[in-house]
N, C-alpha and C. Protein backbone atom coordinates (compact mmCIF):
# COMPACT_ATOMS: atom_id res chain seq x y z
N MET A 1 -58.45 45.74 162.95
CA MET A 1 -58.55 44.29 162.78
C MET A 1 -59.12 43.65 164.05
N ILE A 2 -60.05 42.72 163.88
CA ILE A 2 -60.64 42.03 165.02
C ILE A 2 -59.66 41.00 165.57
N GLU A 3 -59.45 41.03 166.89
CA GLU A 3 -58.63 40.01 167.53
C GLU A 3 -59.28 38.64 167.32
N PRO A 4 -58.47 37.59 167.08
CA PRO A 4 -59.05 36.28 166.76
C PRO A 4 -60.12 35.82 167.73
N LEU A 5 -59.91 35.97 169.04
CA LEU A 5 -60.88 35.48 170.01
C LEU A 5 -62.08 36.40 170.17
N GLN A 6 -62.07 37.55 169.48
CA GLN A 6 -63.24 38.43 169.47
C GLN A 6 -64.12 38.20 168.25
N ALA A 7 -63.69 37.32 167.35
CA ALA A 7 -64.55 36.93 166.23
C ALA A 7 -65.78 36.22 166.79
N THR A 8 -66.87 36.21 166.03
CA THR A 8 -68.13 35.68 166.56
C THR A 8 -68.64 34.49 165.74
N LEU A 9 -69.43 33.70 166.42
CA LEU A 9 -70.15 32.58 165.82
C LEU A 9 -71.58 32.61 166.33
N ARG A 10 -72.50 32.13 165.50
CA ARG A 10 -73.88 31.99 165.96
C ARG A 10 -74.04 30.61 166.59
N ILE A 11 -74.40 30.59 167.87
CA ILE A 11 -74.44 29.36 168.66
C ILE A 11 -75.88 29.02 169.04
N THR A 12 -76.28 27.79 168.80
CA THR A 12 -77.59 27.32 169.22
C THR A 12 -77.57 26.91 170.69
N GLU A 13 -76.53 26.17 171.10
CA GLU A 13 -76.45 25.73 172.49
C GLU A 13 -75.05 25.21 172.79
N ILE A 14 -74.67 25.32 174.06
CA ILE A 14 -73.47 24.68 174.59
C ILE A 14 -73.91 23.92 175.82
N PHE A 15 -73.62 22.63 175.87
CA PHE A 15 -74.10 21.82 176.98
C PHE A 15 -73.17 20.65 177.23
N ARG A 16 -73.28 20.06 178.39
CA ARG A 16 -72.50 18.89 178.77
C ARG A 16 -73.42 17.69 178.84
N SER A 17 -73.00 16.61 178.20
CA SER A 17 -73.80 15.39 178.21
C SER A 17 -72.85 14.22 177.98
N LEU A 18 -73.42 13.02 177.86
CA LEU A 18 -72.63 11.87 177.43
C LEU A 18 -72.58 11.85 175.92
N GLN A 19 -71.39 11.64 175.38
CA GLN A 19 -71.28 11.48 173.94
C GLN A 19 -72.05 10.23 173.53
N GLY A 20 -72.94 10.39 172.54
CA GLY A 20 -73.78 9.28 172.14
C GLY A 20 -73.27 8.50 170.96
N GLU A 21 -72.22 9.02 170.29
CA GLU A 21 -71.75 8.38 169.07
C GLU A 21 -70.23 8.49 168.97
N ALA A 22 -69.67 7.73 168.04
CA ALA A 22 -68.25 7.82 167.65
C ALA A 22 -67.32 7.30 168.75
N ALA A 23 -66.04 7.63 168.62
CA ALA A 23 -64.99 6.96 169.40
C ALA A 23 -65.09 7.21 170.89
N THR A 24 -65.61 8.36 171.30
CA THR A 24 -65.70 8.67 172.72
C THR A 24 -67.10 8.44 173.28
N SER A 25 -67.87 7.59 172.63
CA SER A 25 -69.23 7.30 173.09
C SER A 25 -69.23 6.88 174.55
N GLY A 26 -70.16 7.44 175.32
CA GLY A 26 -70.26 7.14 176.73
C GLY A 26 -69.46 8.07 177.62
N SER A 27 -68.61 8.91 177.04
CA SER A 27 -67.78 9.83 177.81
C SER A 27 -68.50 11.16 178.02
N ALA A 28 -68.32 11.74 179.21
CA ALA A 28 -68.83 13.09 179.46
C ALA A 28 -68.14 14.05 178.50
N THR A 29 -68.93 14.82 177.77
CA THR A 29 -68.41 15.65 176.68
C THR A 29 -69.13 16.99 176.69
N VAL A 30 -68.42 18.05 176.33
CA VAL A 30 -69.07 19.34 176.12
C VAL A 30 -69.36 19.49 174.63
N PHE A 31 -70.60 19.80 174.31
CA PHE A 31 -71.03 19.99 172.92
C PHE A 31 -71.22 21.47 172.64
N VAL A 32 -70.65 21.91 171.55
CA VAL A 32 -70.84 23.28 171.05
C VAL A 32 -71.61 23.15 169.75
N ARG A 33 -72.90 23.51 169.78
CA ARG A 33 -73.74 23.34 168.59
C ARG A 33 -73.90 24.68 167.87
N LEU A 34 -73.31 24.74 166.66
CA LEU A 34 -73.41 25.94 165.85
C LEU A 34 -74.73 25.96 165.09
N THR A 35 -75.18 27.16 164.79
CA THR A 35 -76.46 27.35 164.10
C THR A 35 -76.26 27.34 162.59
N GLY A 36 -77.23 26.76 161.88
CA GLY A 36 -77.24 26.82 160.43
C GLY A 36 -76.77 25.54 159.77
N CYS A 37 -77.39 25.20 158.63
CA CYS A 37 -76.99 24.02 157.86
C CYS A 37 -77.51 24.17 156.43
N PRO A 38 -76.66 23.93 155.43
CA PRO A 38 -77.11 24.04 154.05
C PRO A 38 -77.85 22.80 153.55
N MET A 39 -77.82 21.71 154.34
CA MET A 39 -78.45 20.47 153.90
C MET A 39 -79.79 20.25 154.62
N ARG A 40 -80.58 19.37 154.05
CA ARG A 40 -81.88 19.03 154.64
C ARG A 40 -82.08 17.52 154.55
N CYS A 41 -81.32 16.79 155.34
CA CYS A 41 -81.41 15.33 155.33
C CYS A 41 -82.79 14.87 155.80
N THR A 42 -83.28 13.81 155.21
CA THR A 42 -84.64 13.35 155.50
C THR A 42 -84.82 12.94 156.95
N TYR A 43 -83.74 12.49 157.61
CA TYR A 43 -83.84 11.99 158.98
C TYR A 43 -83.28 12.98 160.01
N CYS A 44 -83.07 14.22 159.62
CA CYS A 44 -82.42 15.18 160.52
C CYS A 44 -83.15 15.28 161.86
N ASP A 45 -82.37 15.24 162.95
CA ASP A 45 -82.96 15.35 164.28
C ASP A 45 -82.51 16.62 165.01
N THR A 46 -81.89 17.54 164.27
CA THR A 46 -81.49 18.81 164.89
C THR A 46 -81.96 20.00 164.06
N ALA A 47 -83.17 19.89 163.52
CA ALA A 47 -83.70 20.99 162.71
C ALA A 47 -83.83 22.28 163.51
N TYR A 48 -83.92 22.17 164.82
CA TYR A 48 -84.02 23.37 165.65
C TYR A 48 -82.75 24.23 165.55
N ALA A 49 -81.67 23.67 165.02
CA ALA A 49 -80.42 24.42 164.87
C ALA A 49 -80.28 25.08 163.50
N PHE A 50 -81.30 24.96 162.67
CA PHE A 50 -81.20 25.55 161.33
C PHE A 50 -81.12 27.08 161.38
N GLU A 51 -81.76 27.69 162.35
CA GLU A 51 -81.81 29.15 162.42
C GLU A 51 -81.90 29.59 163.87
N GLY A 52 -81.81 30.90 164.07
CA GLY A 52 -81.86 31.42 165.43
C GLY A 52 -80.47 31.47 166.04
N GLY A 53 -80.37 31.04 167.28
CA GLY A 53 -79.10 31.05 167.98
C GLY A 53 -78.71 32.46 168.42
N GLN A 54 -77.56 32.55 169.10
CA GLN A 54 -77.06 33.83 169.59
C GLN A 54 -75.60 34.00 169.19
N LEU A 55 -75.25 35.23 168.83
CA LEU A 55 -73.86 35.52 168.51
C LEU A 55 -73.02 35.52 169.78
N GLN A 56 -71.90 34.78 169.75
CA GLN A 56 -70.98 34.75 170.87
C GLN A 56 -69.55 34.87 170.33
N THR A 57 -68.69 35.48 171.08
CA THR A 57 -67.29 35.55 170.67
C THR A 57 -66.62 34.21 170.94
N LEU A 58 -65.52 33.97 170.23
CA LEU A 58 -64.76 32.76 170.47
C LEU A 58 -64.27 32.71 171.91
N ALA A 59 -63.90 33.87 172.46
CA ALA A 59 -63.45 33.92 173.85
C ALA A 59 -64.55 33.46 174.79
N ASP A 60 -65.78 33.92 174.56
CA ASP A 60 -66.89 33.53 175.43
C ASP A 60 -67.20 32.04 175.29
N ILE A 61 -67.15 31.54 174.06
CA ILE A 61 -67.41 30.12 173.83
C ILE A 61 -66.37 29.27 174.56
N CYS A 62 -65.12 29.62 174.40
CA CYS A 62 -64.05 28.85 175.06
C CYS A 62 -64.17 28.95 176.57
N GLY A 63 -64.60 30.11 177.06
CA GLY A 63 -64.80 30.27 178.50
C GLY A 63 -65.91 29.38 179.03
N THR A 64 -67.01 29.30 178.28
CA THR A 64 -68.11 28.44 178.70
C THR A 64 -67.69 26.98 178.70
N VAL A 65 -66.96 26.58 177.68
CA VAL A 65 -66.46 25.20 177.62
C VAL A 65 -65.57 24.92 178.83
N ALA A 66 -64.68 25.85 179.14
CA ALA A 66 -63.76 25.66 180.26
C ALA A 66 -64.49 25.55 181.58
N ASP A 67 -65.62 26.25 181.71
CA ASP A 67 -66.38 26.22 182.95
C ASP A 67 -66.92 24.82 183.27
N TYR A 68 -67.11 24.01 182.24
CA TYR A 68 -67.61 22.66 182.47
C TYR A 68 -66.52 21.73 183.00
N ALA A 69 -65.27 22.10 182.85
CA ALA A 69 -64.13 21.36 183.41
C ALA A 69 -64.19 19.87 183.06
N THR A 70 -64.35 19.58 181.77
CA THR A 70 -64.35 18.20 181.32
C THR A 70 -63.40 18.07 180.14
N GLY A 71 -63.12 16.85 179.70
CA GLY A 71 -62.12 16.63 178.66
C GLY A 71 -62.61 16.84 177.24
N PRO A 72 -63.24 15.83 176.64
CA PRO A 72 -63.59 15.93 175.21
C PRO A 72 -64.57 17.06 174.91
N VAL A 73 -64.37 17.67 173.75
CA VAL A 73 -65.27 18.70 173.26
C VAL A 73 -65.65 18.33 171.83
N THR A 74 -66.96 18.38 171.52
CA THR A 74 -67.45 18.11 170.18
C THR A 74 -68.10 19.36 169.62
N VAL A 75 -67.63 19.80 168.46
CA VAL A 75 -68.25 20.92 167.75
C VAL A 75 -69.15 20.34 166.68
N THR A 76 -70.42 20.72 166.73
CA THR A 76 -71.42 20.09 165.89
C THR A 76 -72.41 21.12 165.39
N GLY A 77 -73.51 20.68 164.80
CA GLY A 77 -74.51 21.60 164.27
C GLY A 77 -75.88 20.97 164.25
N GLY A 78 -76.69 21.34 163.25
CA GLY A 78 -76.36 22.02 162.03
C GLY A 78 -75.11 21.49 161.33
N GLU A 79 -74.56 22.35 160.53
CA GLU A 79 -73.28 22.10 159.86
C GLU A 79 -72.30 23.16 160.33
N PRO A 80 -71.40 22.81 161.25
CA PRO A 80 -70.53 23.83 161.83
C PRO A 80 -69.65 24.54 160.82
N LEU A 81 -69.19 23.85 159.79
CA LEU A 81 -68.29 24.48 158.82
C LEU A 81 -69.00 25.50 157.93
N ALA A 82 -70.32 25.61 158.03
CA ALA A 82 -71.04 26.64 157.28
C ALA A 82 -70.70 28.04 157.80
N GLN A 83 -70.17 28.11 159.03
CA GLN A 83 -69.71 29.39 159.58
C GLN A 83 -68.19 29.42 159.53
N PRO A 84 -67.59 30.32 158.74
CA PRO A 84 -66.13 30.33 158.58
C PRO A 84 -65.36 30.40 159.89
N ASN A 85 -65.90 31.07 160.89
CA ASN A 85 -65.18 31.20 162.15
C ASN A 85 -65.18 29.92 162.97
N CYS A 86 -65.78 28.87 162.45
CA CYS A 86 -65.65 27.56 163.08
C CYS A 86 -64.18 27.12 163.10
N LEU A 87 -63.45 27.46 162.05
CA LEU A 87 -62.05 27.01 161.96
C LEU A 87 -61.18 27.59 163.08
N PRO A 88 -61.21 28.90 163.32
CA PRO A 88 -60.43 29.40 164.45
C PRO A 88 -60.95 28.93 165.80
N LEU A 89 -62.24 28.65 165.91
CA LEU A 89 -62.76 28.08 167.17
C LEU A 89 -62.12 26.73 167.45
N LEU A 90 -62.06 25.88 166.44
CA LEU A 90 -61.46 24.56 166.61
C LEU A 90 -60.01 24.68 167.07
N THR A 91 -59.28 25.60 166.45
CA THR A 91 -57.89 25.80 166.84
C THR A 91 -57.79 26.31 168.27
N ALA A 92 -58.66 27.25 168.64
CA ALA A 92 -58.63 27.79 170.00
C ALA A 92 -58.92 26.72 171.04
N LEU A 93 -59.85 25.83 170.75
CA LEU A 93 -60.18 24.74 171.68
C LEU A 93 -59.01 23.77 171.82
N CYS A 94 -58.35 23.49 170.70
CA CYS A 94 -57.16 22.63 170.76
C CYS A 94 -56.04 23.30 171.56
N ASP A 95 -55.85 24.59 171.33
CA ASP A 95 -54.81 25.33 172.04
C ASP A 95 -55.07 25.32 173.55
N ALA A 96 -56.35 25.25 173.93
CA ALA A 96 -56.72 25.23 175.35
C ALA A 96 -56.51 23.86 175.98
N GLY A 97 -56.10 22.90 175.18
CA GLY A 97 -55.78 21.57 175.71
C GLY A 97 -56.90 20.56 175.63
N HIS A 98 -57.98 20.88 174.93
CA HIS A 98 -59.10 19.96 174.84
C HIS A 98 -58.87 18.91 173.75
N GLN A 99 -59.45 17.75 173.96
CA GLN A 99 -59.55 16.72 172.91
C GLN A 99 -60.77 17.07 172.08
N VAL A 100 -60.57 17.46 170.83
CA VAL A 100 -61.64 18.07 170.04
C VAL A 100 -62.02 17.18 168.86
N SER A 101 -63.33 17.03 168.66
CA SER A 101 -63.84 16.37 167.46
C SER A 101 -64.82 17.32 166.76
N LEU A 102 -64.93 17.15 165.47
CA LEU A 102 -65.82 17.96 164.63
C LEU A 102 -66.77 17.03 163.91
N GLU A 103 -68.07 17.26 164.05
CA GLU A 103 -69.07 16.50 163.32
C GLU A 103 -69.50 17.31 162.11
N THR A 104 -69.22 16.79 160.90
CA THR A 104 -69.51 17.52 159.68
C THR A 104 -70.18 16.63 158.65
N GLY A 105 -71.08 17.22 157.88
CA GLY A 105 -71.86 16.46 156.92
C GLY A 105 -71.16 16.17 155.61
N GLY A 106 -70.01 16.76 155.35
CA GLY A 106 -69.24 16.41 154.17
C GLY A 106 -69.56 17.18 152.91
N ALA A 107 -70.44 18.19 153.00
CA ALA A 107 -70.74 18.99 151.82
C ALA A 107 -69.83 20.20 151.71
N LEU A 108 -69.03 20.44 152.75
CA LEU A 108 -68.10 21.57 152.76
C LEU A 108 -66.69 21.03 153.00
N PRO A 109 -65.67 21.71 152.47
CA PRO A 109 -64.30 21.19 152.57
C PRO A 109 -63.82 21.09 154.02
N ILE A 110 -63.09 20.02 154.32
CA ILE A 110 -62.55 19.80 155.66
C ILE A 110 -61.04 20.00 155.72
N THR A 111 -60.41 20.33 154.59
CA THR A 111 -58.95 20.39 154.52
C THR A 111 -58.35 21.39 155.49
N ALA A 112 -59.01 22.52 155.71
CA ALA A 112 -58.44 23.58 156.53
C ALA A 112 -58.66 23.37 158.03
N VAL A 113 -59.33 22.30 158.42
CA VAL A 113 -59.56 22.03 159.84
C VAL A 113 -58.23 21.73 160.53
N ASP A 114 -58.04 22.28 161.72
CA ASP A 114 -56.82 22.06 162.48
C ASP A 114 -56.49 20.57 162.53
N PRO A 115 -55.26 20.17 162.22
CA PRO A 115 -54.92 18.75 162.15
C PRO A 115 -55.01 18.01 163.48
N ARG A 116 -55.12 18.74 164.58
CA ARG A 116 -55.28 18.09 165.88
C ARG A 116 -56.71 17.60 166.11
N VAL A 117 -57.64 18.05 165.30
CA VAL A 117 -59.05 17.71 165.46
C VAL A 117 -59.36 16.36 164.81
N SER A 118 -60.15 15.53 165.48
CA SER A 118 -60.68 14.32 164.86
C SER A 118 -61.94 14.70 164.09
N ARG A 119 -61.86 14.60 162.78
CA ARG A 119 -63.00 14.97 161.93
C ARG A 119 -63.90 13.76 161.75
N VAL A 120 -65.14 13.89 162.19
CA VAL A 120 -66.13 12.82 162.04
C VAL A 120 -66.96 13.16 160.80
N LEU A 121 -66.62 12.50 159.70
CA LEU A 121 -67.22 12.83 158.40
C LEU A 121 -68.44 11.95 158.17
N ASP A 122 -69.60 12.59 158.07
CA ASP A 122 -70.87 11.90 157.86
C ASP A 122 -71.11 11.80 156.35
N ILE A 123 -70.76 10.65 155.77
CA ILE A 123 -71.00 10.44 154.35
C ILE A 123 -72.50 10.25 154.13
N LYS A 124 -73.08 11.10 153.31
CA LYS A 124 -74.54 11.06 153.13
C LYS A 124 -74.94 9.93 152.18
N THR A 125 -75.86 9.11 152.65
CA THR A 125 -76.37 7.97 151.89
C THR A 125 -77.52 8.39 150.98
N PRO A 126 -77.89 7.56 150.01
CA PRO A 126 -78.97 7.95 149.09
C PRO A 126 -80.27 8.33 149.78
N ALA A 127 -80.67 7.59 150.81
CA ALA A 127 -81.95 7.87 151.47
C ALA A 127 -81.95 9.19 152.23
N SER A 128 -80.77 9.76 152.47
CA SER A 128 -80.72 11.06 153.13
C SER A 128 -81.25 12.17 152.24
N GLY A 129 -81.22 11.93 150.93
CA GLY A 129 -81.61 12.95 149.96
C GLY A 129 -80.50 13.93 149.64
N GLU A 130 -79.31 13.72 150.23
CA GLU A 130 -78.21 14.68 150.06
C GLU A 130 -76.91 14.03 149.59
N SER A 131 -76.97 12.80 149.09
CA SER A 131 -75.74 12.09 148.73
C SER A 131 -74.98 12.77 147.59
N ALA A 132 -75.68 13.52 146.76
CA ALA A 132 -75.01 14.21 145.64
C ALA A 132 -74.08 15.30 146.13
N ARG A 133 -74.17 15.67 147.40
CA ARG A 133 -73.36 16.77 147.93
C ARG A 133 -72.09 16.29 148.62
N ASN A 134 -71.87 14.97 148.67
CA ASN A 134 -70.62 14.47 149.24
C ASN A 134 -69.44 14.96 148.40
N LEU A 135 -68.45 15.57 149.04
CA LEU A 135 -67.28 16.06 148.31
C LEU A 135 -66.21 14.99 148.24
N ALA A 136 -65.81 14.63 147.03
CA ALA A 136 -64.78 13.60 146.85
C ALA A 136 -63.47 14.00 147.50
N GLU A 137 -63.15 15.29 147.49
CA GLU A 137 -61.88 15.73 148.07
C GLU A 137 -61.83 15.53 149.58
N ASN A 138 -62.99 15.50 150.23
CA ASN A 138 -63.00 15.22 151.66
C ASN A 138 -62.56 13.79 151.95
N VAL A 139 -63.03 12.87 151.15
CA VAL A 139 -62.64 11.47 151.34
C VAL A 139 -61.14 11.32 151.10
N ALA A 140 -60.63 12.00 150.10
CA ALA A 140 -59.20 11.91 149.79
C ALA A 140 -58.33 12.50 150.89
N ASP A 141 -58.89 13.42 151.69
CA ASP A 141 -58.12 14.13 152.70
C ASP A 141 -58.16 13.46 154.08
N LEU A 142 -58.84 12.34 154.21
CA LEU A 142 -59.00 11.69 155.51
C LEU A 142 -57.67 11.24 156.08
N ARG A 143 -57.57 11.31 157.43
CA ARG A 143 -56.36 10.96 158.15
C ARG A 143 -56.64 9.82 159.14
N PRO A 144 -55.59 9.18 159.67
CA PRO A 144 -55.80 8.03 160.56
C PRO A 144 -56.61 8.33 161.82
N HIS A 145 -56.58 9.55 162.34
CA HIS A 145 -57.36 9.81 163.56
C HIS A 145 -58.72 10.42 163.25
N ASP A 146 -59.11 10.44 161.97
CA ASP A 146 -60.46 10.84 161.60
C ASP A 146 -61.41 9.64 161.72
N GLN A 147 -62.71 9.93 161.59
CA GLN A 147 -63.73 8.90 161.65
C GLN A 147 -64.73 9.14 160.52
N VAL A 148 -65.34 8.06 160.05
CA VAL A 148 -66.35 8.17 158.99
C VAL A 148 -67.63 7.50 159.46
N LYS A 149 -68.72 8.15 159.21
CA LYS A 149 -70.03 7.68 159.69
C LYS A 149 -71.00 7.58 158.51
N PHE A 150 -71.80 6.53 158.51
CA PHE A 150 -72.88 6.36 157.55
C PHE A 150 -74.17 6.16 158.33
N VAL A 151 -75.18 6.97 158.07
CA VAL A 151 -76.51 6.76 158.66
C VAL A 151 -77.31 5.92 157.67
N ILE A 152 -77.73 4.75 158.14
CA ILE A 152 -78.38 3.77 157.26
C ILE A 152 -79.88 3.78 157.49
N VAL A 153 -80.64 4.01 156.43
CA VAL A 153 -82.10 4.06 156.52
C VAL A 153 -82.74 2.74 156.09
N ASP A 154 -82.15 2.07 155.07
CA ASP A 154 -82.77 0.88 154.52
C ASP A 154 -81.69 0.00 153.88
N ARG A 155 -82.10 -1.11 153.29
CA ARG A 155 -81.16 -2.05 152.69
C ARG A 155 -80.35 -1.39 151.56
N GLY A 156 -81.00 -0.54 150.79
CA GLY A 156 -80.28 0.15 149.72
C GLY A 156 -79.15 1.01 150.27
N ASP A 157 -79.41 1.72 151.34
CA ASP A 157 -78.37 2.51 152.00
C ASP A 157 -77.23 1.62 152.48
N PHE A 158 -77.60 0.48 153.05
CA PHE A 158 -76.58 -0.44 153.56
C PHE A 158 -75.64 -0.91 152.46
N GLU A 159 -76.22 -1.37 151.35
CA GLU A 159 -75.39 -1.87 150.26
C GLU A 159 -74.53 -0.76 149.66
N TRP A 160 -75.11 0.43 149.52
CA TRP A 160 -74.36 1.58 148.98
C TRP A 160 -73.19 1.90 149.90
N SER A 161 -73.43 1.91 151.20
CA SER A 161 -72.39 2.26 152.17
C SER A 161 -71.30 1.20 152.22
N ALA A 162 -71.69 -0.07 152.21
CA ALA A 162 -70.70 -1.15 152.23
C ALA A 162 -69.79 -1.07 151.00
N ASN A 163 -70.38 -0.78 149.85
CA ASN A 163 -69.58 -0.63 148.63
C ASN A 163 -68.64 0.56 148.73
N PHE A 164 -69.12 1.64 149.33
CA PHE A 164 -68.31 2.85 149.47
C PHE A 164 -67.10 2.58 150.36
N VAL A 165 -67.33 1.89 151.47
CA VAL A 165 -66.23 1.56 152.40
C VAL A 165 -65.17 0.73 151.69
N ARG A 166 -65.62 -0.27 150.96
CA ARG A 166 -64.67 -1.16 150.29
C ARG A 166 -63.95 -0.44 149.15
N GLU A 167 -64.68 0.33 148.37
CA GLU A 167 -64.08 1.03 147.22
C GLU A 167 -62.97 1.97 147.66
N HIS A 168 -63.20 2.66 148.78
CA HIS A 168 -62.24 3.66 149.24
C HIS A 168 -61.33 3.13 150.35
N GLN A 169 -61.47 1.85 150.68
CA GLN A 169 -60.64 1.20 151.71
C GLN A 169 -60.60 2.05 152.98
N LEU A 170 -61.78 2.49 153.40
CA LEU A 170 -61.85 3.40 154.53
C LEU A 170 -61.36 2.77 155.82
N ASP A 171 -61.58 1.48 155.99
CA ASP A 171 -61.18 0.83 157.24
C ASP A 171 -59.67 0.87 157.44
N ALA A 172 -58.92 0.99 156.36
CA ALA A 172 -57.45 1.05 156.46
C ALA A 172 -56.94 2.48 156.54
N ARG A 173 -57.80 3.45 156.38
CA ARG A 173 -57.36 4.84 156.27
C ARG A 173 -57.76 5.72 157.44
N VAL A 174 -58.81 5.34 158.17
CA VAL A 174 -59.27 6.16 159.29
C VAL A 174 -59.34 5.31 160.55
N GLY A 175 -59.49 5.99 161.69
CA GLY A 175 -59.52 5.28 162.95
C GLY A 175 -60.74 4.41 163.13
N HIS A 176 -61.90 4.90 162.67
CA HIS A 176 -63.15 4.16 162.85
C HIS A 176 -64.08 4.42 161.68
N VAL A 177 -64.76 3.37 161.24
CA VAL A 177 -65.85 3.49 160.28
C VAL A 177 -67.11 3.02 160.99
N TRP A 178 -68.11 3.89 161.04
CA TRP A 178 -69.33 3.61 161.79
C TRP A 178 -70.53 3.45 160.87
N PHE A 179 -71.34 2.44 161.12
CA PHE A 179 -72.66 2.30 160.50
C PHE A 179 -73.69 2.52 161.60
N SER A 180 -74.54 3.50 161.39
CA SER A 180 -75.52 3.89 162.40
C SER A 180 -76.93 3.77 161.81
N PRO A 181 -77.82 2.97 162.43
CA PRO A 181 -79.18 2.89 161.91
C PRO A 181 -79.93 4.19 162.16
N SER A 182 -80.63 4.69 161.17
CA SER A 182 -81.50 5.84 161.39
C SER A 182 -82.52 5.46 162.46
N HIS A 183 -82.51 6.20 163.56
CA HIS A 183 -83.18 5.76 164.79
C HIS A 183 -84.65 5.42 164.57
N ASP A 184 -85.35 6.19 163.75
CA ASP A 184 -86.79 5.99 163.57
C ASP A 184 -87.13 5.15 162.35
N ASP A 185 -86.11 4.68 161.62
CA ASP A 185 -86.38 3.99 160.36
C ASP A 185 -85.91 2.54 160.31
N LEU A 186 -84.85 2.20 161.04
CA LEU A 186 -84.24 0.88 160.89
C LEU A 186 -83.86 0.32 162.26
N PRO A 187 -84.37 -0.86 162.64
CA PRO A 187 -83.98 -1.47 163.91
C PRO A 187 -82.48 -1.78 163.90
N ALA A 188 -81.83 -1.50 165.02
CA ALA A 188 -80.39 -1.73 165.11
C ALA A 188 -80.05 -3.20 164.89
N GLY A 189 -80.90 -4.10 165.37
CA GLY A 189 -80.66 -5.53 165.19
C GLY A 189 -80.65 -5.95 163.73
N GLN A 190 -81.50 -5.32 162.93
CA GLN A 190 -81.52 -5.64 161.50
C GLN A 190 -80.22 -5.23 160.84
N LEU A 191 -79.74 -4.03 161.17
CA LEU A 191 -78.47 -3.58 160.60
C LEU A 191 -77.33 -4.48 161.06
N ALA A 192 -77.35 -4.90 162.31
CA ALA A 192 -76.31 -5.79 162.82
C ALA A 192 -76.29 -7.10 162.04
N ASP A 193 -77.46 -7.65 161.75
CA ASP A 193 -77.54 -8.90 160.98
C ASP A 193 -76.94 -8.72 159.59
N TRP A 194 -77.25 -7.61 158.93
CA TRP A 194 -76.70 -7.35 157.60
C TRP A 194 -75.18 -7.23 157.65
N MET A 195 -74.67 -6.54 158.65
CA MET A 195 -73.23 -6.35 158.76
C MET A 195 -72.50 -7.67 159.00
N LEU A 196 -73.08 -8.52 159.82
CA LEU A 196 -72.47 -9.83 160.08
C LEU A 196 -72.50 -10.71 158.83
N ALA A 197 -73.63 -10.70 158.14
CA ALA A 197 -73.78 -11.55 156.96
C ALA A 197 -72.85 -11.12 155.84
N GLU A 198 -72.66 -9.83 155.69
CA GLU A 198 -71.88 -9.30 154.57
C GLU A 198 -70.43 -9.01 154.94
N ARG A 199 -70.06 -9.22 156.21
CA ARG A 199 -68.69 -9.01 156.68
C ARG A 199 -68.16 -7.61 156.32
N VAL A 200 -68.95 -6.63 156.62
CA VAL A 200 -68.57 -5.25 156.31
C VAL A 200 -67.48 -4.79 157.29
N PRO A 201 -66.39 -4.21 156.81
CA PRO A 201 -65.32 -3.72 157.69
C PRO A 201 -65.69 -2.38 158.34
N ALA A 202 -66.71 -2.44 159.19
CA ALA A 202 -67.20 -1.25 159.88
C ALA A 202 -67.72 -1.67 161.24
N ARG A 203 -67.99 -0.68 162.09
CA ARG A 203 -68.51 -0.94 163.43
C ARG A 203 -69.92 -0.40 163.54
N LEU A 204 -70.77 -1.15 164.23
CA LEU A 204 -72.14 -0.70 164.48
C LEU A 204 -72.14 0.32 165.61
N GLN A 205 -72.90 1.38 165.45
CA GLN A 205 -73.12 2.30 166.57
C GLN A 205 -74.60 2.67 166.62
N ILE A 206 -75.08 2.86 167.82
CA ILE A 206 -76.43 3.39 168.02
C ILE A 206 -76.30 4.75 168.67
N GLN A 207 -77.34 5.54 168.58
CA GLN A 207 -77.31 6.87 169.19
C GLN A 207 -77.66 6.72 170.67
N LEU A 208 -76.63 6.54 171.49
CA LEU A 208 -76.82 6.26 172.90
C LEU A 208 -77.70 7.30 173.59
N HIS A 209 -77.51 8.56 173.24
CA HIS A 209 -78.27 9.63 173.88
C HIS A 209 -79.78 9.50 173.64
N LYS A 210 -80.14 8.93 172.48
CA LYS A 210 -81.57 8.78 172.19
C LYS A 210 -82.18 7.67 173.04
N TYR A 211 -81.42 6.63 173.31
CA TYR A 211 -81.92 5.57 174.18
C TYR A 211 -82.03 6.05 175.62
N LEU A 212 -81.21 7.03 176.00
CA LEU A 212 -81.26 7.54 177.37
C LEU A 212 -82.31 8.64 177.54
N TRP A 213 -82.37 9.57 176.56
CA TRP A 213 -83.19 10.76 176.76
C TRP A 213 -84.14 11.07 175.60
N GLY A 214 -84.25 10.21 174.63
CA GLY A 214 -85.13 10.46 173.50
C GLY A 214 -84.63 11.64 172.68
N ASP A 215 -85.55 12.50 172.23
CA ASP A 215 -85.18 13.62 171.37
C ASP A 215 -85.05 14.92 172.16
N ALA A 216 -84.82 14.84 173.45
CA ALA A 216 -84.70 16.05 174.27
C ALA A 216 -83.58 16.93 173.76
N GLN A 217 -83.85 18.22 173.60
CA GLN A 217 -82.83 19.17 173.16
C GLN A 217 -81.80 19.32 174.26
N GLY A 218 -80.55 19.54 173.87
CA GLY A 218 -79.49 19.71 174.85
C GLY A 218 -79.04 18.42 175.47
N ARG A 219 -79.23 17.31 174.73
CA ARG A 219 -78.81 15.99 175.21
C ARG A 219 -77.98 15.29 174.15
């Protein structure tokens, strides 16, 4: 039997940067980017993580994270849950004392994720081309320290997302509901105007890292 920390994951990159989104935005964070994703969103900005990467043991991954000597850790992709050993990695990072968040697209179940992890659930909007893959059971499983994110491409996406938030009363069920303009498709000011006019119970976020470093890999 393989020891838990000797299990492997395919890793695209591990790096330290400022968190550009969600509750810890602006904080120095270690990112663990897993390789592979079953979805093909129209606005995807991490297509380089679809394939390739290198196999690393959980022990090596946790060691690299520890070497950065920083607090928050974000496990992302691609779609990290596409690799089953993502689950024990999340637990190992929590056991090591890290504040851990998981960025997931919502097409795979989140129920088995360690309860100490803040799950950042990216609800796919119609313009993403992947909204049919949103799992209803993921929405039902949300907890108060989870977060929900909507990437908004156009007015149709905005109205769909606002209705979704209200229908599922997300603002009362999770720590944060985020509306994020698709960086290359919708000006942030336009989305802000819509949110103010419609009194949507959500918070605006921009991709801070893109304003600082553009589309540079490892940022």
